[in-house]
Amino acid sequence: MRAPVSRSNTPLFRLFSLVACLFLLLAAGCSTQSGTQGSSLRSEDGTVRKPLQDKESGESLDNLKTFRGLFSARKGGGVLTLCGSGNELKVQDRTEGGLEAVVREFAPSPGDVFFVELLGRRVVRPPHDRTQGAFPVPPEVQLTDAVVFEAIHASFVMESLGCREQYSTFSFKARGNEPGWMVLAEPGRMSFNAMDLAQPFLFRNVERTGDDDNAEYRADGMTLTVTRGWCRDTMSGELFGWTAEAEVDGTVYRGCAVRGDL
């Protein structure tokens, strides 16, 4: 006995379904978006950049501020005590697990404090959250938080310069171990120092290519390349946001780098 033929399998039914689908698409408008919110964009040289929009707000993530300070996890969220001023910012974490992973490593116990650099922006705290302790804050006083999207540097307090680092004196500071070496890159100049040198080598007329994510500094006799990506110091355990490679007179040195403010 032959199985009954379903109407949905007949050529006429399939043709009718196709025509109906096409009509619905045309009625709704079938244009295809050229890009989606938060999609990766390409820079002029063709390299892929990180997502440029906050997934929650849709706002651009260009030109984020660098927050540096001592982080402590507290009830209700993390608090960042800013370097220099000592002001406290309540941290709103949008790092998609990045900050949480750093906290687990550098502050495993309640009350632990560690140094961190975070990329984010300041926001005014909502009016309903204008209290600190038992005393209300006057409405004219603006309470600001830090909405952070990425952690780019972390260390135990006693294992790095932390807030004592002179970030205003360099664009990138690179360093490595075995043997110990360090490079300070500034606009138009670089210095290289190593444990076996009596004094640093100074390089002028330095040309820089790239951007703050991936940059190359080139001078006669030396090249420094910094690349965005986690890098760990092999001695202190300090976590950096950039890897570094320096070539000096044919010798290659590999290590990590931190970004400064120049």
C-alpha atoms as a PDB file:
ATOM      1  CA  MET A   1       0.000   0.000   0.000  1.00  0.00           C
ATOM      2  CA  ARG A   2       1.340   3.382  -0.964  1.00  0.00           C
ATOM      3  CA  ALA A   3       1.677   5.995   1.780  1.00  0.00           C
ATOM      4  CA  PRO A   4      -0.654   8.971   1.421  1.00  0.00           C
ATOM      5  CA  VAL A   5       0.991  11.983  -0.231  1.00  0.00           C
ATOM      6  CA  SER A   6       1.145  15.072   2.020  1.00  0.00           C
ATOM      7  CA  ARG A   7      -0.092  18.258   0.409  1.00  0.00           C
ATOM      8  CA  SER A   8       2.967  20.051   1.798  1.00  0.00           C
ATOM      9  CA  ASN A   9       5.166  17.883  -0.429  1.00  0.00           C
ATOM     10  CA  THR A  10       3.419  18.621  -3.710  1.00  0.00           C
ATOM     11  CA  PRO A  11       5.154  20.912  -6.244  1.00  0.00           C
ATOM     12  CA  LEU A  12       2.155  23.237  -6.341  1.00  0.00           C
ATOM     13  CA  PHE A  13       2.178  23.696  -2.538  1.00  0.00           C
ATOM     14  CA  ARG A  14       5.918  24.366  -2.460  1.00  0.00           C
ATOM     15  CA  LEU A  15       5.574  26.984  -5.219  1.00  0.00           C
ATOM     16  CA  PHE A  16       2.718  28.689  -3.366  1.00  0.00           C
ATOM     17  CA  SER A  17       4.782  28.763  -0.125  1.00  0.00           C
ATOM     18  CA  LEU A  18       7.755  30.303  -1.908  1.00  0.00           C
ATOM     19  CA  VAL A  19       5.633  33.063  -3.453  1.00  0.00           C
ATOM     20  CA  ALA A  20       4.059  33.811  -0.059  1.00  0.00           C
ATOM     21  CA  CYS A  21       7.444  34.071   1.660  1.00  0.00           C
ATOM     22  CA  LEU A  22       8.758  36.429  -1.011  1.00  0.00           C
ATOM     23  CA  PHE A  23       5.703  38.628  -0.640  1.00  0.00           C
ATOM     24  CA  LEU A  24       6.156  38.849   3.154  1.00  0.00           C
ATOM     25  CA  LEU A  25       9.837  39.742   2.806  1.00  0.00           C
ATOM     26  CA  LEU A  26       9.093  42.508   0.319  1.00  0.00           C
ATOM     27  CA  ALA A  27       6.328  43.876   2.498  1.00  0.00           C
ATOM     28  CA  ALA A  28       8.569  44.021   5.571  1.00  0.00           C
ATOM     29  CA  GLY A  29      11.579  45.394   3.729  1.00  0.00           C
ATOM     30  CA  CYS A  30      14.409  42.984   3.104  1.00  0.00           C
ATOM     31  CA  SER A  31      17.468  45.282   3.284  1.00  0.00           C
ATOM     32  CA  THR A  32      20.511  43.760   4.976  1.00  0.00           C
ATOM     33  CA  GLN A  33      22.415  45.782   7.592  1.00  0.00           C
ATOM     34  CA  SER A  34      26.025  46.469   6.699  1.00  0.00           C
ATOM     35  CA  GLY A  35      27.109  46.037  10.315  1.00  0.00           C
ATOM     36  CA  THR A  36      25.701  45.175  13.712  1.00  0.00           C
ATOM     37  CA  GLN A  37      25.986  46.942  17.026  1.00  0.00           C
ATOM     38  CA  GLY A  38      29.257  46.048  18.684  1.00  0.00           C
ATOM     39  CA  SER A  39      30.737  44.471  15.574  1.00  0.00           C
ATOM     40  CA  SER A  40      34.487  44.508  15.023  1.00  0.00           C
ATOM     41  CA  LEU A  41      35.705  47.242  12.705  1.00  0.00           C
ATOM     42  CA  ARG A  42      38.890  47.442  10.701  1.00  0.00           C
ATOM     43  CA  SER A  43      41.369  50.273  10.886  1.00  0.00           C
ATOM     44  CA  GLU A  44      42.921  51.880   7.828  1.00  0.00           C
ATOM     45  CA  ASP A  45      45.758  49.364   7.695  1.00  0.00           C
ATOM     46  CA  GLY A  46      43.305  46.448   7.713  1.00  0.00           C
ATOM     47  CA  THR A  47      43.870  45.252  11.277  1.00  0.00           C
ATOM     48  CA  VAL A  48      40.807  44.191  13.247  1.00  0.00           C
ATOM     49  CA  ARG A  49      39.914  46.436  16.150  1.00  0.00           C
ATOM     50  CA  LYS A  50      38.010  45.438  19.267  1.00  0.00           C
ATOM     51  CA  PRO A  51      34.228  46.090  19.459  1.00  0.00           C
ATOM     52  CA  LEU A  52      33.558  49.811  19.516  1.00  0.00           C
ATOM     53  CA  GLN A  53      30.185  49.855  21.282  1.00  0.00           C
ATOM     54  CA  ASP A  54      28.946  48.975  24.731  1.00  0.00           C
ATOM     55  CA  LYS A  55      26.603  46.011  24.385  1.00  0.00           C
ATOM     56  CA  GLU A  56      24.216  47.397  27.017  1.00  0.00           C
ATOM     57  CA  SER A  57      23.995  51.074  26.095  1.00  0.00           C
ATOM     58  CA  GLY A  58      25.152  51.029  22.474  1.00  0.00           C
ATOM     59  CA  GLU A  59      27.543  53.883  23.245  1.00  0.00           C
ATOM     60  CA  SER A  60      30.967  54.140  21.638  1.00  0.00           C
ATOM     61  CA  LEU A  61      33.902  52.680  23.558  1.00  0.00           C
ATOM     62  CA  ASP A  62      36.438  54.979  21.913  1.00  0.00           C
ATOM     63  CA  ASN A  63      38.465  57.339  24.100  1.00  0.00           C
ATOM     64  CA  LEU A  64      37.928  55.549  27.392  1.00  0.00           C
ATOM     65  CA  LYS A  65      39.567  56.957  30.505  1.00  0.00           C
ATOM     66  CA  THR A  66      42.265  55.016  32.359  1.00  0.00           C
ATOM     67  CA  PHE A  67      41.490  54.591  36.052  1.00  0.00           C
ATOM     68  CA  ARG A  68      44.423  53.621  38.299  1.00  0.00           C
ATOM     69  CA  GLY A  69      44.171  52.754  41.943  1.00  0.00           C
ATOM     70  CA  LEU A  70      43.753  50.175  44.676  1.00  0.00           C
ATOM     71  CA  PHE A  71      40.791  47.874  44.168  1.00  0.00           C
ATOM     72  CA  SER A  72      38.882  46.117  46.929  1.00  0.00           C
ATOM     73  CA  ALA A  73      35.860  43.894  46.574  1.00  0.00           C
ATOM     74  CA  ARG A  74      33.124  44.962  48.984  1.00  0.00           C
ATOM     75  CA  LYS A  75      29.538  44.101  49.657  1.00  0.00           C
ATOM     76  CA  GLY A  76      27.480  45.507  46.826  1.00  0.00           C
ATOM     77  CA  GLY A  77      30.391  45.756  44.376  1.00  0.00           C
ATOM     78  CA  GLY A  78      34.016  46.772  44.006  1.00  0.00           C
ATOM     79  CA  VAL A  79      35.519  50.070  45.091  1.00  0.00           C
ATOM     80  CA  LEU A  80      38.519  51.732  43.453  1.00  0.00           C
ATOM     81  CA  THR A  81      40.605  54.143  45.539  1.00  0.00           C
ATOM     82  CA  LEU A  82      42.191  56.409  42.941  1.00  0.00           C
ATOM     83  CA  CYS A  83      45.925  57.012  42.883  1.00  0.00           C
ATOM     84  CA  GLY A  84      46.887  60.510  43.966  1.00  0.00           C
ATOM     85  CA  SER A  85      43.553  61.890  45.164  1.00  0.00           C
ATOM     86  CA  GLY A  86      42.474  58.935  47.283  1.00  0.00           C
ATOM     87  CA  ASN A  87      38.888  59.421  46.086  1.00  0.00           C
ATOM     88  CA  GLU A  88      36.767  56.297  46.025  1.00  0.00           C
ATOM     89  CA  LEU A  89      34.764  55.234  42.997  1.00  0.00           C
ATOM     90  CA  LYS A  90      32.101  52.562  43.058  1.00  0.00           C
ATOM     91  CA  VAL A  91      32.885  50.251  40.139  1.00  0.00           C
ATOM     92  CA  GLN A  92      30.204  49.083  37.727  1.00  0.00           C
ATOM     93  CA  ASP A  93      31.735  46.037  36.058  1.00  0.00           C
ATOM     94  CA  ARG A  94      31.051  45.479  32.343  1.00  0.00           C
ATOM     95  CA  THR A  95      34.269  43.607  31.561  1.00  0.00           C
ATOM     96  CA  GLU A  96      32.384  40.364  30.787  1.00  0.00           C
ATOM     97  CA  GLY A  97      34.312  38.418  33.426  1.00  0.00           C
ATOM     98  CA  GLY A  98      37.698  40.058  32.912  1.00  0.00           C
ATOM     99  CA  LEU A  99      37.754  42.015  36.172  1.00  0.00           C
ATOM    100  CA  GLU A 100      36.264  39.122  38.093  1.00  0.00           C
ATOM    101  CA  ALA A 101      39.101  36.841  36.961  1.00  0.00           C
ATOM    102  CA  VAL A 102      41.696  39.420  38.021  1.00  0.00           C
ATOM    103  CA  VAL A 103      40.024  39.811  41.433  1.00  0.00           C
ATOM    104  CA  ARG A 104      40.070  36.046  41.992  1.00  0.00           C
ATOM    105  CA  GLU A 105      43.825  35.980  41.360  1.00  0.00           C
ATOM    106  CA  PHE A 106      45.009  39.109  43.155  1.00  0.00           C
ATOM    107  CA  ALA A 107      42.419  39.374  45.940  1.00  0.00           C
ATOM    108  CA  PRO A 108      41.382  35.806  46.799  1.00  0.00           C
ATOM    109  CA  SER A 109      40.352  36.638  50.387  1.00  0.00           C
ATOM    110  CA  PRO A 110      37.760  39.168  51.615  1.00  0.00           C
ATOM    111  CA  GLY A 111      39.379  42.507  52.352  1.00  0.00           C
ATOM    112  CA  ASP A 112      42.358  41.953  50.031  1.00  0.00           C
ATOM    113  CA  VAL A 113      43.507  45.005  48.080  1.00  0.00           C
ATOM    114  CA  PHE A 114      45.523  45.095  44.853  1.00  0.00           C
ATOM    115  CA  PHE A 115      46.655  47.617  42.248  1.00  0.00           C
ATOM    116  CA  VAL A 116      44.754  47.738  38.975  1.00  0.00           C
ATOM    117  CA  GLU A 117      44.337  49.798  35.815  1.00  0.00           C
ATOM    118  CA  LEU A 118      40.867  49.852  34.293  1.00  0.00           C
ATOM    119  CA  LEU A 119      39.454  51.347  31.102  1.00  0.00           C
ATOM    120  CA  GLY A 120      36.070  52.991  31.488  1.00  0.00           C
ATOM    121  CA  ARG A 121      34.211  56.242  32.021  1.00  0.00           C
ATOM    122  CA  ARG A 122      32.729  58.194  34.895  1.00  0.00           C
ATOM    123  CA  VAL A 123      28.968  58.300  35.391  1.00  0.00           C
ATOM    124  CA  VAL A 124      26.824  60.228  37.863  1.00  0.00           C
ATOM    125  CA  ARG A 125      25.240  57.965  40.432  1.00  0.00           C
ATOM    126  CA  PRO A 126      21.400  57.896  40.292  1.00  0.00           C
ATOM    127  CA  PRO A 127      19.565  60.119  42.811  1.00  0.00           C
ATOM    128  CA  HIS A 128      18.185  57.155  44.760  1.00  0.00           C
ATOM    129  CA  ASP A 129      21.736  56.041  45.587  1.00  0.00           C
ATOM    130  CA  ARG A 130      22.917  59.285  47.213  1.00  0.00           C
ATOM    131  CA  THR A 131      23.759  57.902  50.642  1.00  0.00           C
ATOM    132  CA  GLN A 132      27.024  56.855  52.176  1.00  0.00           C
ATOM    133  CA  GLY A 133      26.674  55.098  55.505  1.00  0.00           C
ATOM    134  CA  ALA A 134      24.016  56.582  57.763  1.00  0.00           C
ATOM    135  CA  PHE A 135      24.395  60.175  56.577  1.00  0.00           C
ATOM    136  CA  PRO A 136      22.599  61.428  53.447  1.00  0.00           C
ATOM    137  CA  VAL A 137      24.610  63.280  50.825  1.00  0.00           C
ATOM    138  CA  PRO A 138      23.270  66.727  49.806  1.00  0.00           C
ATOM    139  CA  PRO A 139      21.609  66.668  46.369  1.00  0.00           C
ATOM    140  CA  GLU A 140      24.027  69.281  45.023  1.00  0.00           C
ATOM    141  CA  VAL A 141      26.965  66.909  45.556  1.00  0.00           C
ATOM    142  CA  GLN A 142      27.477  64.712  42.509  1.00  0.00           C
ATOM    143  CA  LEU A 143      28.450  61.149  43.331  1.00  0.00           C
ATOM    144  CA  THR A 144      30.311  59.508  40.475  1.00  0.00           C
ATOM    145  CA  ASP A 145      30.971  55.890  39.691  1.00  0.00           C
ATOM    146  CA  ALA A 146      33.300  54.231  37.201  1.00  0.00           C
ATOM    147  CA  VAL A 147      31.738  52.032  34.543  1.00  0.00           C
ATOM    148  CA  VAL A 148      34.652  49.841  33.443  1.00  0.00           C
ATOM    149  CA  PHE A 149      34.927  47.753  30.277  1.00  0.00           C
ATOM    150  CA  GLU A 150      38.425  46.298  30.478  1.00  0.00           C
ATOM    151  CA  ALA A 151      41.238  45.560  32.945  1.00  0.00           C
ATOM    152  CA  ILE A 152      44.692  46.244  31.457  1.00  0.00           C
ATOM    153  CA  HIS A 153      47.117  45.948  34.391  1.00  0.00           C
ATOM    154  CA  ALA A 154      47.100  44.282  37.810  1.00  0.00           C
ATOM    155  CA  SER A 155      49.597  43.464  40.535  1.00  0.00           C
ATOM    156  CA  PHE A 156      49.992  42.710  44.204  1.00  0.00           C
ATOM    157  CA  VAL A 157      50.590  45.942  46.095  1.00  0.00           C
ATOM    158  CA  MET A 158      54.096  45.015  47.246  1.00  0.00           C
ATOM    159  CA  GLU A 159      55.197  43.509  43.906  1.00  0.00           C
ATOM    160  CA  SER A 160      55.111  46.625  41.702  1.00  0.00           C
ATOM    161  CA  LEU A 161      55.389  50.407  41.724  1.00  0.00           C
ATOM    162  CA  GLY A 162      51.617  50.631  41.360  1.00  0.00           C
ATOM    163  CA  CYS A 163      50.467  54.164  42.188  1.00  0.00           C
ATOM    164  CA  ARG A 164      54.106  55.274  42.538  1.00  0.00           C
ATOM    165  CA  GLU A 165      54.794  54.711  38.841  1.00  0.00           C
ATOM    166  CA  GLN A 166      55.467  57.918  36.867  1.00  0.00           C
ATOM    167  CA  TYR A 167      52.966  57.313  34.049  1.00  0.00           C
ATOM    168  CA  SER A 168      53.229  60.904  32.858  1.00  0.00           C
ATOM    169  CA  THR A 169      56.868  60.409  31.772  1.00  0.00           C
ATOM    170  CA  PHE A 170      56.444  57.761  29.049  1.00  0.00           C
ATOM    171  CA  SER A 171      54.223  56.413  26.290  1.00  0.00           C
ATOM    172  CA  PHE A 172      55.147  52.789  26.940  1.00  0.00           C
ATOM    173  CA  LYS A 173      57.401  51.180  29.513  1.00  0.00           C
ATOM    174  CA  ALA A 174      58.628  47.708  28.584  1.00  0.00           C
ATOM    175  CA  ARG A 175      60.655  45.313  30.679  1.00  0.00           C
ATOM    176  CA  GLY A 176      61.775  41.707  30.965  1.00  0.00           C
ATOM    177  CA  ASN A 177      63.900  39.295  32.954  1.00  0.00           C
ATOM    178  CA  GLU A 178      66.905  37.005  32.513  1.00  0.00           C
ATOM    179  CA  PRO A 179      68.637  39.284  31.897  1.00  0.00           C
ATOM    180  CA  GLY A 180      66.771  42.207  33.409  1.00  0.00           C
ATOM    181  CA  TRP A 181      66.087  45.013  30.895  1.00  0.00           C
ATOM    182  CA  MET A 182      63.833  48.050  30.491  1.00  0.00           C
ATOM    183  CA  VAL A 183      62.793  50.427  27.708  1.00  0.00           C
ATOM    184  CA  LEU A 184      61.138  53.810  28.111  1.00  0.00           C
ATOM    185  CA  ALA A 185      59.435  54.995  24.930  1.00  0.00           C
ATOM    186  CA  GLU A 186      58.510  58.661  24.635  1.00  0.00           C
ATOM    187  CA  PRO A 187      57.498  60.818  21.686  1.00  0.00           C
ATOM    188  CA  GLY A 188      60.617  61.076  19.526  1.00  0.00           C
ATOM    189  CA  ARG A 189      62.998  59.204  21.842  1.00  0.00           C
ATOM    190  CA  MET A 190      63.711  55.930  23.628  1.00  0.00           C
ATOM    191  CA  SER A 191      66.060  54.685  26.319  1.00  0.00           C
ATOM    192  CA  PHE A 192      67.275  51.134  26.853  1.00  0.00           C
ATOM    193  CA  ASN A 193      68.828  49.837  30.059  1.00  0.00           C
ATOM    194  CA  ALA A 194      70.002  46.393  31.138  1.00  0.00           C
ATOM    195  CA  MET A 195      71.710  44.931  34.184  1.00  0.00           C
ATOM    196  CA  ASP A 196      75.067  44.614  32.412  1.00  0.00           C
ATOM    197  CA  LEU A 197      75.152  48.222  31.177  1.00  0.00           C
ATOM    198  CA  ALA A 198      76.973  50.999  32.994  1.00  0.00           C
ATOM    199  CA  GLN A 199      74.399  53.528  31.740  1.00  0.00           C
ATOM    200  CA  PRO A 200      71.311  53.485  29.507  1.00  0.00           C
ATOM    201  CA  PHE A 201      71.482  53.745  25.722  1.00  0.00           C
ATOM    202  CA  LEU A 202      69.626  56.811  24.459  1.00  0.00           C
ATOM    203  CA  PHE A 203      67.964  56.847  21.029  1.00  0.00           C
ATOM    204  CA  ARG A 204      66.637  59.988  19.374  1.00  0.00           C
ATOM    205  CA  ASN A 205      64.742  60.660  16.149  1.00  0.00           C
ATOM    206  CA  VAL A 206      62.451  57.766  16.993  1.00  0.00           C
ATOM    207  CA  GLU A 207      59.576  57.108  14.597  1.00  0.00           C
ATOM    208  CA  ARG A 208      56.365  55.512  15.808  1.00  0.00           C
ATOM    209  CA  THR A 209      53.817  53.604  13.731  1.00  0.00           C
ATOM    210  CA  GLY A 210      50.550  51.994  14.805  1.00  0.00           C
ATOM    211  CA  ASP A 211      48.249  53.050  17.626  1.00  0.00           C
ATOM    212  CA  ASP A 212      47.873  52.572  21.369  1.00  0.00           C
ATOM    213  CA  ASP A 213      46.866  48.939  20.887  1.00  0.00           C
ATOM    214  CA  ASN A 214      49.769  47.885  18.685  1.00  0.00           C
ATOM    215  CA  ALA A 215      52.725  50.190  18.149  1.00  0.00           C
ATOM    216  CA  GLU A 216      56.277  50.067  16.834  1.00  0.00           C
ATOM    217  CA  TYR A 217      59.036  52.488  17.796  1.00  0.00           C
ATOM    218  CA  ARG A 218      61.993  52.475  15.442  1.00  0.00           C
ATOM    219  CA  ALA A 219      65.389  54.202  15.696  1.00  0.00           C
ATOM    220  CA  ASP A 220      68.839  53.626  14.260  1.00  0.00           C
ATOM    221  CA  GLY A 221      70.038  50.509  16.100  1.00  0.00           C
ATOM    222  CA  MET A 222      66.831  49.733  18.026  1.00  0.00           C
ATOM    223  CA  THR A 223      63.194  48.697  17.532  1.00  0.00           C
ATOM    224  CA  LEU A 224      60.487  48.303  20.186  1.00  0.00           C
ATOM    225  CA  THR A 225      57.222  46.528  19.344  1.00  0.00           C
ATOM    226  CA  VAL A 226      54.279  46.463  21.767  1.00  0.00           C
ATOM    227  CA  THR A 227      51.244  44.281  21.083  1.00  0.00           C
ATOM    228  CA  ARG A 228      47.923  44.270  22.910  1.00  0.00           C
ATOM    229  CA  GLY A 229      47.433  41.085  24.932  1.00  0.00           C
ATOM    230  CA  TRP A 230      47.911  39.744  28.446  1.00  0.00           C
ATOM    231  CA  CYS A 231      51.517  39.279  29.518  1.00  0.00           C
ATOM    232  CA  ARG A 232      52.783  38.064  32.896  1.00  0.00           C
ATOM    233  CA  ASP A 233      56.056  39.036  34.550  1.00  0.00           C
ATOM    234  CA  THR A 234      57.956  35.815  35.200  1.00  0.00           C
ATOM    235  CA  MET A 235      59.279  36.962  38.576  1.00  0.00           C
ATOM    236  CA  SER A 236      56.648  39.151  40.267  1.00  0.00           C
ATOM    237  CA  GLY A 237      53.503  37.689  38.686  1.00  0.00           C
ATOM    238  CA  GLU A 238      52.441  41.196  37.651  1.00  0.00           C
ATOM    239  CA  LEU A 239      49.882  41.120  34.842  1.00  0.00           C
ATOM    240  CA  PHE A 240      50.340  43.560  31.954  1.00  0.00           C
ATOM    241  CA  GLY A 241      48.061  44.458  29.061  1.00  0.00           C
ATOM    242  CA  TRP A 242      50.798  44.400  26.389  1.00  0.00           C
ATOM    243  CA  THR A 243      53.583  42.082  25.272  1.00  0.00           C
ATOM    244  CA  ALA A 244      56.868  43.691  24.247  1.00  0.00           C
ATOM    245  CA  GLU A 245      59.828  42.837  22.045  1.00  0.00           C
ATOM    246  CA  ALA A 246      62.928  45.013  21.842  1.00  0.00           C
ATOM    247  CA  GLU A 247      65.742  44.501  19.362  1.00  0.00           C
ATOM    248  CA  VAL A 248      68.962  46.330  20.193  1.00  0.00           C
ATOM    249  CA  ASP A 249      71.954  45.972  17.862  1.00  0.00           C
ATOM    250  CA  GLY A 250      70.695  42.574  16.718  1.00  0.00           C
ATOM    251  CA  THR A 251      69.895  41.196  20.199  1.00  0.00           C
ATOM    252  CA  VAL A 252      66.225  40.450  20.918  1.00  0.00           C
ATOM    253  CA  TYR A 253      64.668  40.989  24.354  1.00  0.00           C
ATOM    254  CA  ARG A 254      61.139  39.808  25.158  1.00  0.00           C
ATOM    255  CA  GLY A 255      58.893  40.871  28.006  1.00  0.00           C
ATOM    256  CA  CYS A 256      55.800  42.915  28.929  1.00  0.00           C
ATOM    257  CA  ALA A 257      54.741  46.545  28.673  1.00  0.00           C
ATOM    258  CA  VAL A 258      52.492  49.071  30.363  1.00  0.00           C
ATOM    259  CA  ARG A 259      51.011  52.110  28.639  1.00  0.00           C
ATOM    260  CA  GLY A 260      51.738  55.584  29.982  1.00  0.00           C
ATOM    261  CA  ASP A 261      50.055  58.939  29.486  1.00  0.00           C
ATOM    262  CA  LEU A 262      52.274  60.586  26.858  1.00  0.00           C
END
